[in-house]
PDB file of N, CA and C in Angstrom:
ATOM      1  N   MET A   1       8.201 -11.547 -23.368  1.00  0.00           N
ATOM      2  CA  MET A   1       9.298 -10.819 -22.738  1.00  0.00           C
ATOM      3  C   MET A   1       8.724  -9.745 -21.814  1.00  0.00           C
ATOM      4  N   SER A   2       9.045  -9.823 -20.552  1.00  0.00           N
ATOM      5  CA  SER A   2       8.517  -8.842 -19.610  1.00  0.00           C
ATOM      6  C   SER A   2       9.534  -7.728 -19.392  1.00  0.00           C
ATOM      7  N   THR A   3       9.021  -6.556 -19.149  1.00  0.00           N
ATOM      8  CA  THR A   3       9.885  -5.421 -18.866  1.00  0.00           C
ATOM      9  C   THR A   3       9.749  -5.059 -17.398  1.00  0.00           C
ATOM     10  N   GLU A   4      10.798  -4.508 -16.863  1.00  0.00           N
ATOM     11  CA  GLU A   4      10.775  -4.082 -15.463  1.00  0.00           C
ATOM     12  C   GLU A   4       9.835  -2.883 -15.323  1.00  0.00           C
ATOM     13  N   PRO A   5       9.054  -2.839 -14.234  1.00  0.00           N
ATOM     14  CA  PRO A   5       8.181  -1.675 -14.023  1.00  0.00           C
ATOM     15  C   PRO A   5       9.024  -0.423 -13.777  1.00  0.00           C
ATOM     16  N   GLU A   6       8.503   0.687 -14.221  1.00  0.00           N
ATOM     17  CA  GLU A   6       9.209   1.949 -14.057  1.00  0.00           C
ATOM     18  C   GLU A   6       9.091   2.439 -12.610  1.00  0.00           C
ATOM     19  N   LEU A   7      10.175   3.038 -12.118  1.00  0.00           N
ATOM     20  CA  LEU A   7      10.193   3.620 -10.785  1.00  0.00           C
ATOM     21  C   LEU A   7       9.763   5.077 -10.901  1.00  0.00           C
ATOM     22  N   ILE A   8       8.740   5.442 -10.157  1.00  0.00           N
ATOM     23  CA  ILE A   8       8.231   6.815 -10.159  1.00  0.00           C
ATOM     24  C   ILE A   8       8.804   7.534  -8.939  1.00  0.00           C
ATOM     25  N   GLN A   9       9.590   8.568  -9.182  1.00  0.00           N
ATOM     26  CA  GLN A   9      10.203   9.355  -8.096  1.00  0.00           C
ATOM     27  C   GLN A   9       9.278  10.512  -7.757  1.00  0.00           C
ATOM     28  N   SER A  10       9.017  10.716  -6.481  1.00  0.00           N
ATOM     29  CA  SER A  10       8.178  11.820  -6.044  1.00  0.00           C
ATOM     30  C   SER A  10       8.923  13.147  -6.188  1.00  0.00           C
ATOM     31  N   PRO A  11       8.204  14.195  -6.563  1.00  0.00           N
ATOM     32  CA  PRO A  11       8.823  15.529  -6.561  1.00  0.00           C
ATOM     33  C   PRO A  11       9.162  16.009  -5.144  1.00  0.00           C
ATOM     34  N   LEU A  12       8.677  15.289  -4.125  1.00  0.00           N
ATOM     35  CA  LEU A  12       8.988  15.651  -2.738  1.00  0.00           C
ATOM     36  C   LEU A  12      10.319  15.056  -2.261  1.00  0.00           C
ATOM     37  N   SER A  13      10.952  14.214  -3.076  1.00  0.00           N
ATOM     38  CA  SER A  13      12.282  13.705  -2.721  1.00  0.00           C
ATOM     39  C   SER A  13      13.233  14.899  -2.624  1.00  0.00           C
ATOM     40  N   GLN A  14      14.123  14.867  -1.633  1.00  0.00           N
ATOM     41  CA  GLN A  14      14.953  16.047  -1.358  1.00  0.00           C
ATOM     42  C   GLN A  14      16.073  15.708  -0.401  1.00  0.00           C
ATOM     43  N   SER A  15      16.957  16.678  -0.209  1.00  0.00           N
ATOM     44  CA  SER A  15      17.956  16.587   0.854  1.00  0.00           C
ATOM     45  C   SER A  15      17.453  17.408   2.032  1.00  0.00           C
ATOM     46  N   ILE A  16      17.660  16.873   3.230  1.00  0.00           N
ATOM     47  CA  ILE A  16      17.276  17.580   4.457  1.00  0.00           C
ATOM     48  C   ILE A  16      18.517  17.702   5.327  1.00  0.00           C
ATOM     49  N   THR A  17      18.777  18.905   5.822  1.00  0.00           N
ATOM     50  CA  THR A  17      19.911  19.123   6.724  1.00  0.00           C
ATOM     51  C   THR A  17      19.387  19.600   8.069  1.00  0.00           C
ATOM     52  N   ARG A  18      19.780  18.892   9.122  1.00  0.00           N
ATOM     53  CA  ARG A  18      19.440  19.291  10.493  1.00  0.00           C
ATOM     54  C   ARG A  18      20.670  19.050  11.354  1.00  0.00           C
ATOM     55  N   ASP A  19      20.930  19.954  12.246  1.00  0.00           N
ATOM     56  CA  ASP A  19      22.036  19.828  13.201  1.00  0.00           C
ATOM     57  C   ASP A  19      23.357  19.503  12.496  1.00  0.00           C
ATOM     58  N   GLY A  20      23.542  20.054  11.295  1.00  0.00           N
ATOM     59  CA  GLY A  20      24.790  19.860  10.570  1.00  0.00           C
ATOM     60  C   GLY A  20      24.902  18.543   9.819  1.00  0.00           C
ATOM     61  N   HIS A  21      23.853  17.740   9.805  1.00  0.00           N
ATOM     62  CA  HIS A  21      23.865  16.452   9.098  1.00  0.00           C
ATOM     63  C   HIS A  21      22.856  16.509   7.951  1.00  0.00           C
ATOM     64  N   THR A  22      23.269  15.990   6.798  1.00  0.00           N
ATOM     65  CA  THR A  22      22.404  15.991   5.631  1.00  0.00           C
ATOM     66  C   THR A  22      21.962  14.572   5.301  1.00  0.00           C
ATOM     67  N   LEU A  23      20.687  14.426   5.050  1.00  0.00           N
ATOM     68  CA  LEU A  23      20.105  13.147   4.635  1.00  0.00           C
ATOM     69  C   LEU A  23      19.496  13.311   3.252  1.00  0.00           C
ATOM     70  N   GLN A  24      19.650  12.295   2.420  1.00  0.00           N
ATOM     71  CA  GLN A  24      18.948  12.258   1.139  1.00  0.00           C
ATOM     72  C   GLN A  24      17.638  11.505   1.354  1.00  0.00           C
ATOM     73  N   VAL A  25      16.540  12.135   1.025  1.00  0.00           N
ATOM     74  CA  VAL A  25      15.215  11.552   1.204  1.00  0.00           C
ATOM     75  C   VAL A  25      14.678  11.150  -0.166  1.00  0.00           C
ATOM     76  N   ASP A  26      14.433   9.862  -0.338  1.00  0.00           N
ATOM     77  CA  ASP A  26      13.874   9.357  -1.588  1.00  0.00           C
ATOM     78  C   ASP A  26      12.486   8.793  -1.323  1.00  0.00           C
ATOM     79  N   ILE A  27      11.511   9.317  -2.030  1.00  0.00           N
ATOM     80  CA  ILE A  27      10.135   8.850  -1.953  1.00  0.00           C
ATOM     81  C   ILE A  27       9.775   8.371  -3.356  1.00  0.00           C
ATOM     82  N   TYR A  28       9.383   7.111  -3.459  1.00  0.00           N
ATOM     83  CA  TYR A  28       9.150   6.545  -4.785  1.00  0.00           C
ATOM     84  C   TYR A  28       8.143   5.398  -4.723  1.00  0.00           C
ATOM     85  N   ARG A  29       7.686   4.994  -5.900  1.00  0.00           N
ATOM     86  CA  ARG A  29       6.789   3.851  -6.027  1.00  0.00           C
ATOM     87  C   ARG A  29       7.016   3.227  -7.400  1.00  0.00           C
ATOM     88  N   LEU A  30       6.596   1.980  -7.524  1.00  0.00           N
ATOM     89  CA  LEU A  30       6.598   1.346  -8.834  1.00  0.00           C
ATOM     90  C   LEU A  30       5.367   1.834  -9.586  1.00  0.00           C
ATOM     91  N   GLU A  31       5.479   1.958 -10.910  1.00  0.00           N
ATOM     92  CA  GLU A  31       4.388   2.563 -11.685  1.00  0.00           C
ATOM     93  C   GLU A  31       3.057   1.836 -11.544  1.00  0.00           C
ATOM     94  N   GLU A  32       3.084   0.510 -11.309  1.00  0.00           N
ATOM     95  CA  GLU A  32       1.809  -0.208 -11.202  1.00  0.00           C
ATOM     96  C   GLU A  32       1.284  -0.264  -9.768  1.00  0.00           C
ATOM     97  N   GLU A  33       1.980   0.349  -8.828  1.00  0.00           N
ATOM     98  CA  GLU A  33       1.535   0.361  -7.429  1.00  0.00           C
ATOM     99  C   GLU A  33       1.055   1.750  -7.042  1.00  0.00           C
ATOM    100  N   VAL A  34       0.206   1.794  -6.024  1.00  0.00           N
ATOM    101  CA  VAL A  34      -0.331   3.085  -5.592  1.00  0.00           C
ATOM    102  C   VAL A  34       0.369   3.618  -4.344  1.00  0.00           C
ATOM    103  N   ASP A  35       0.949   2.737  -3.540  1.00  0.00           N
ATOM    104  CA  ASP A  35       1.575   3.165  -2.289  1.00  0.00           C
ATOM    105  C   ASP A  35       3.021   3.581  -2.509  1.00  0.00           C
ATOM    106  N   TRP A  36       3.437   4.541  -1.709  1.00  0.00           N
ATOM    107  CA  TRP A  36       4.774   5.118  -1.799  1.00  0.00           C
ATOM    108  C   TRP A  36       5.703   4.478  -0.774  1.00  0.00           C
ATOM    109  N   LEU A  37       6.984   4.400  -1.112  1.00  0.00           N
ATOM    110  CA  LEU A  37       8.037   3.922  -0.228  1.00  0.00           C
ATOM    111  C   LEU A  37       8.892   5.110   0.195  1.00  0.00           C
ATOM    112  N   LEU A  38       9.440   5.012   1.391  1.00  0.00           N
ATOM    113  CA  LEU A  38      10.296   6.073   1.927  1.00  0.00           C
ATOM    114  C   LEU A  38      11.653   5.491   2.258  1.00  0.00           C
ATOM    115  N   GLU A  39      12.700   6.110   1.714  1.00  0.00           N
ATOM    116  CA  GLU A  39      14.075   5.692   1.986  1.00  0.00           C
ATOM    117  C   GLU A  39      14.888   6.923   2.347  1.00  0.00           C
ATOM    118  N   VAL A  40      15.695   6.792   3.396  1.00  0.00           N
ATOM    119  CA  VAL A  40      16.565   7.869   3.835  1.00  0.00           C
ATOM    120  C   VAL A  40      17.999   7.350   3.794  1.00  0.00           C
ATOM    121  N   VAL A  41      18.880   8.106   3.146  1.00  0.00           N
ATOM    122  CA  VAL A  41      20.282   7.706   3.018  1.00  0.00           C
ATOM    123  C   VAL A  41      21.139   8.776   3.679  1.00  0.00           C
ATOM    124  N   ASN A  42      22.012   8.346   4.612  1.00  0.00           N
ATOM    125  CA  ASN A  42      22.873   9.316   5.284  1.00  0.00           C
ATOM    126  C   ASN A  42      24.142   9.565   4.469  1.00  0.00           C
ATOM    127  N   ALA A  43      24.992  10.464   4.963  1.00  0.00           N
ATOM    128  CA  ALA A  43      26.202  10.867   4.241  1.00  0.00           C
ATOM    129  C   ALA A  43      27.167   9.708   4.024  1.00  0.00           C
ATOM    130  N   ASP A  44      27.097   8.666   4.862  1.00  0.00           N
ATOM    131  CA  ASP A  44      27.971   7.505   4.708  1.00  0.00           C
ATOM    132  C   ASP A  44      27.395   6.471   3.743  1.00  0.00           C
ATOM    133  N   GLY A  45      26.203   6.752   3.205  1.00  0.00           N
ATOM    134  CA  GLY A  45      25.581   5.835   2.257  1.00  0.00           C
ATOM    135  C   GLY A  45      24.714   4.761   2.891  1.00  0.00           C
ATOM    136  N   THR A  46      24.502   4.857   4.207  1.00  0.00           N
ATOM    137  CA  THR A  46      23.643   3.888   4.887  1.00  0.00           C
ATOM    138  C   THR A  46      22.182   4.214   4.597  1.00  0.00           C
ATOM    139  N   SER A  47      21.452   3.210   4.144  1.00  0.00           N
ATOM    140  CA  SER A  47      20.066   3.385   3.753  1.00  0.00           C
ATOM    141  C   SER A  47      19.132   2.887   4.857  1.00  0.00           C
ATOM    142  N   HIS A  48      18.100   3.660   5.103  1.00  0.00           N
ATOM    143  CA  HIS A  48      17.038   3.292   6.047  1.00  0.00           C
ATOM    144  C   HIS A  48      15.734   3.312   5.268  1.00  0.00           C
ATOM    145  N   VAL A  49      15.100   2.145   5.089  1.00  0.00           N
ATOM    146  CA  VAL A  49      13.845   2.053   4.348  1.00  0.00           C
ATOM    147  C   VAL A  49      12.724   1.733   5.327  1.00  0.00           C
ATOM    148  N   TRP A  50      11.671   2.523   5.269  1.00  0.00           N
ATOM    149  CA  TRP A  50      10.515   2.296   6.138  1.00  0.00           C
ATOM    150  C   TRP A  50       9.841   0.989   5.760  1.00  0.00           C
ATOM    151  N   ASP A  51       9.369   0.247   6.772  1.00  0.00           N
ATOM    152  CA  ASP A  51       8.571  -0.953   6.530  1.00  0.00           C
ATOM    153  C   ASP A  51       7.175  -0.573   6.047  1.00  0.00           C
ATOM    154  N   ASP A  52       6.691   0.564   6.522  1.00  0.00           N
ATOM    155  CA  ASP A  52       5.347   1.014   6.157  1.00  0.00           C
ATOM    156  C   ASP A  52       5.318   1.520   4.721  1.00  0.00           C
ATOM    157  N   ARG A  53       4.165   1.395   4.103  1.00  0.00           N
ATOM    158  CA  ARG A  53       3.897   2.010   2.804  1.00  0.00           C
ATOM    159  C   ARG A  53       2.975   3.194   3.074  1.00  0.00           C
ATOM    160  N   PHE A  54       3.010   4.182   2.199  1.00  0.00           N
ATOM    161  CA  PHE A  54       2.253   5.409   2.424  1.00  0.00           C
ATOM    162  C   PHE A  54       1.295   5.656   1.258  1.00  0.00           C
ATOM    163  N   THR A  55       0.089   6.115   1.585  1.00  0.00           N
ATOM    164  CA  THR A  55      -0.914   6.331   0.542  1.00  0.00           C
ATOM    165  C   THR A  55      -0.583   7.542  -0.321  1.00  0.00           C
ATOM    166  N   THR A  56       0.166   8.500   0.232  1.00  0.00           N
ATOM    167  CA  THR A  56       0.595   9.666  -0.552  1.00  0.00           C
ATOM    168  C   THR A  56       2.071   9.924  -0.293  1.00  0.00           C
ATOM    169  N   ASP A  57       2.714  10.610  -1.231  1.00  0.00           N
ATOM    170  CA  ASP A  57       4.111  10.986  -1.025  1.00  0.00           C
ATOM    171  C   ASP A  57       4.227  12.013   0.098  1.00  0.00           C
ATOM    172  N   GLN A  58       3.216  12.857   0.258  1.00  0.00           N
ATOM    173  CA  GLN A  58       3.216  13.835   1.352  1.00  0.00           C
ATOM    174  C   GLN A  58       3.165  13.135   2.712  1.00  0.00           C
ATOM    175  N   ALA A  59       2.411  12.043   2.812  1.00  0.00           N
ATOM    176  CA  ALA A  59       2.348  11.281   4.068  1.00  0.00           C
ATOM    177  C   ALA A  59       3.708  10.677   4.391  1.00  0.00           C
ATOM    178  N   ALA A  60       4.435  10.226   3.369  1.00  0.00           N
ATOM    179  CA  ALA A  60       5.774   9.674   3.583  1.00  0.00           C
ATOM    180  C   ALA A  60       6.715  10.744   4.114  1.00  0.00           C
ATOM    181  N   LEU A  61       6.684  11.920   3.506  1.00  0.00           N
ATOM    182  CA  LEU A  61       7.541  13.012   3.966  1.00  0.00           C
ATOM    183  C   LEU A  61       7.166  13.435   5.381  1.00  0.00           C
ATOM    184  N   GLY A  62       5.877  13.460   5.678  1.00  0.00           N
ATOM    185  CA  GLY A  62       5.421  13.796   7.027  1.00  0.00           C
ATOM    186  C   GLY A  62       5.913  12.799   8.063  1.00  0.00           C
ATOM    187  N   ALA A  63       5.937  11.517   7.699  1.00  0.00           N
ATOM    188  CA  ALA A  63       6.432  10.485   8.622  1.00  0.00           C
ATOM    189  C   ALA A  63       7.907  10.700   8.931  1.00  0.00           C
ATOM    190  N   LEU A  64       8.679  11.097   7.934  1.00  0.00           N
ATOM    191  CA  LEU A  64      10.097  11.368   8.159  1.00  0.00           C
ATOM    192  C   LEU A  64      10.268  12.547   9.110  1.00  0.00           C
ATOM    193  N   HIS A  65       9.562  13.635   8.844  1.00  0.00           N
ATOM    194  CA  HIS A  65       9.678  14.808   9.717  1.00  0.00           C
ATOM    195  C   HIS A  65       9.249  14.480  11.145  1.00  0.00           C
ATOM    196  N   ALA A  66       8.213  13.675  11.297  1.00  0.00           N
ATOM    197  CA  ALA A  66       7.763  13.270  12.632  1.00  0.00           C
ATOM    198  C   ALA A  66       8.845  12.451  13.332  1.00  0.00           C
ATOM    199  N   ALA A  67       9.489  11.547  12.599  1.00  0.00           N
ATOM    200  CA  ALA A  67      10.548  10.722  13.189  1.00  0.00           C
ATOM    201  C   ALA A  67      11.731  11.581  13.627  1.00  0.00           C
ATOM    202  N   ILE A  68      12.112  12.552  12.801  1.00  0.00           N
ATOM    203  CA  ILE A  68      13.227  13.434  13.165  1.00  0.00           C
ATOM    204  C   ILE A  68      12.844  14.293  14.365  1.00  0.00           C
ATOM    205  N   ASP A  69      11.610  14.809  14.390  1.00  0.00           N
ATOM    206  CA  ASP A  69      11.164  15.632  15.510  1.00  0.00           C
ATOM    207  C   ASP A  69      11.134  14.833  16.811  1.00  0.00           C
ATOM    208  N   GLU A  70      10.719  13.566  16.742  1.00  0.00           N
ATOM    209  CA  GLU A  70      10.586  12.734  17.940  1.00  0.00           C
ATOM    210  C   GLU A  70      11.916  12.153  18.413  1.00  0.00           C
ATOM    211  N   GLU A  71      12.730  11.672  17.459  1.00  0.00           N
ATOM    212  CA  GLU A  71      13.920  10.910  17.814  1.00  0.00           C
ATOM    213  C   GLU A  71      15.225  11.627  17.534  1.00  0.00           C
ATOM    214  N   GLY A  72      15.167  12.709  16.760  1.00  0.00           N
ATOM    215  CA  GLY A  72      16.379  13.429  16.378  1.00  0.00           C
ATOM    216  C   GLY A  72      16.994  12.824  15.124  1.00  0.00           C
ATOM    217  N   ILE A  73      17.789  13.617  14.453  1.00  0.00           N
ATOM    218  CA  ILE A  73      18.397  13.160  13.197  1.00  0.00           C
ATOM    219  C   ILE A  73      19.440  12.069  13.437  1.00  0.00           C
ATOM    220  N   GLY A  74      19.958  11.995  14.665  1.00  0.00           N
ATOM    221  CA  GLY A  74      20.982  11.002  15.004  1.00  0.00           C
ATOM    222  C   GLY A  74      20.547   9.568  14.791  1.00  0.00           C
ATOM    223  N   VAL A  75      19.249   9.313  14.811  1.00  0.00           N
ATOM    224  CA  VAL A  75      18.755   7.957  14.609  1.00  0.00           C
ATOM    225  C   VAL A  75      19.094   7.448  13.197  1.00  0.00           C
ATOM    226  N   PHE A  76      19.372   8.336  12.271  1.00  0.00           N
ATOM    227  CA  PHE A  76      19.692   7.952  10.899  1.00  0.00           C
ATOM    228  C   PHE A  76      21.200   7.934  10.620  1.00  0.00           C
ATOM    229  N   LEU A  77      21.991   8.261  11.626  1.00  0.00           N
ATOM    230  CA  LEU A  77      23.438   8.310  11.433  1.00  0.00           C
ATOM    231  C   LEU A  77      24.056   6.994  11.871  1.00  0.00           C
ATOM    232  N   ASP A  78      25.219   6.672  11.297  1.00  0.00           N
ATOM    233  CA  ASP A  78      25.898   5.419  11.634  1.00  0.00           C
ATOM    234  C   ASP A  78      26.448   5.458  13.044  1.00  0.00           C
TER     235      ASP A  78
END
């Protein structure tokens, strides 16, 4: 009988508000994996998951901030 791997949530997961819009930022990995996943969910519940994997949770958060700085928060809105 196999059990599902545990999901490890990064302590860097958070809500970010810019220009009056709030995004939920989830950074997580499966317990047996080393790379982190980045998911951003807007207020309407639309999820944006990065194709890239990140070696650290800090690198994932940095990628999000870079994307917002370059493209604006509107890229994550419906």
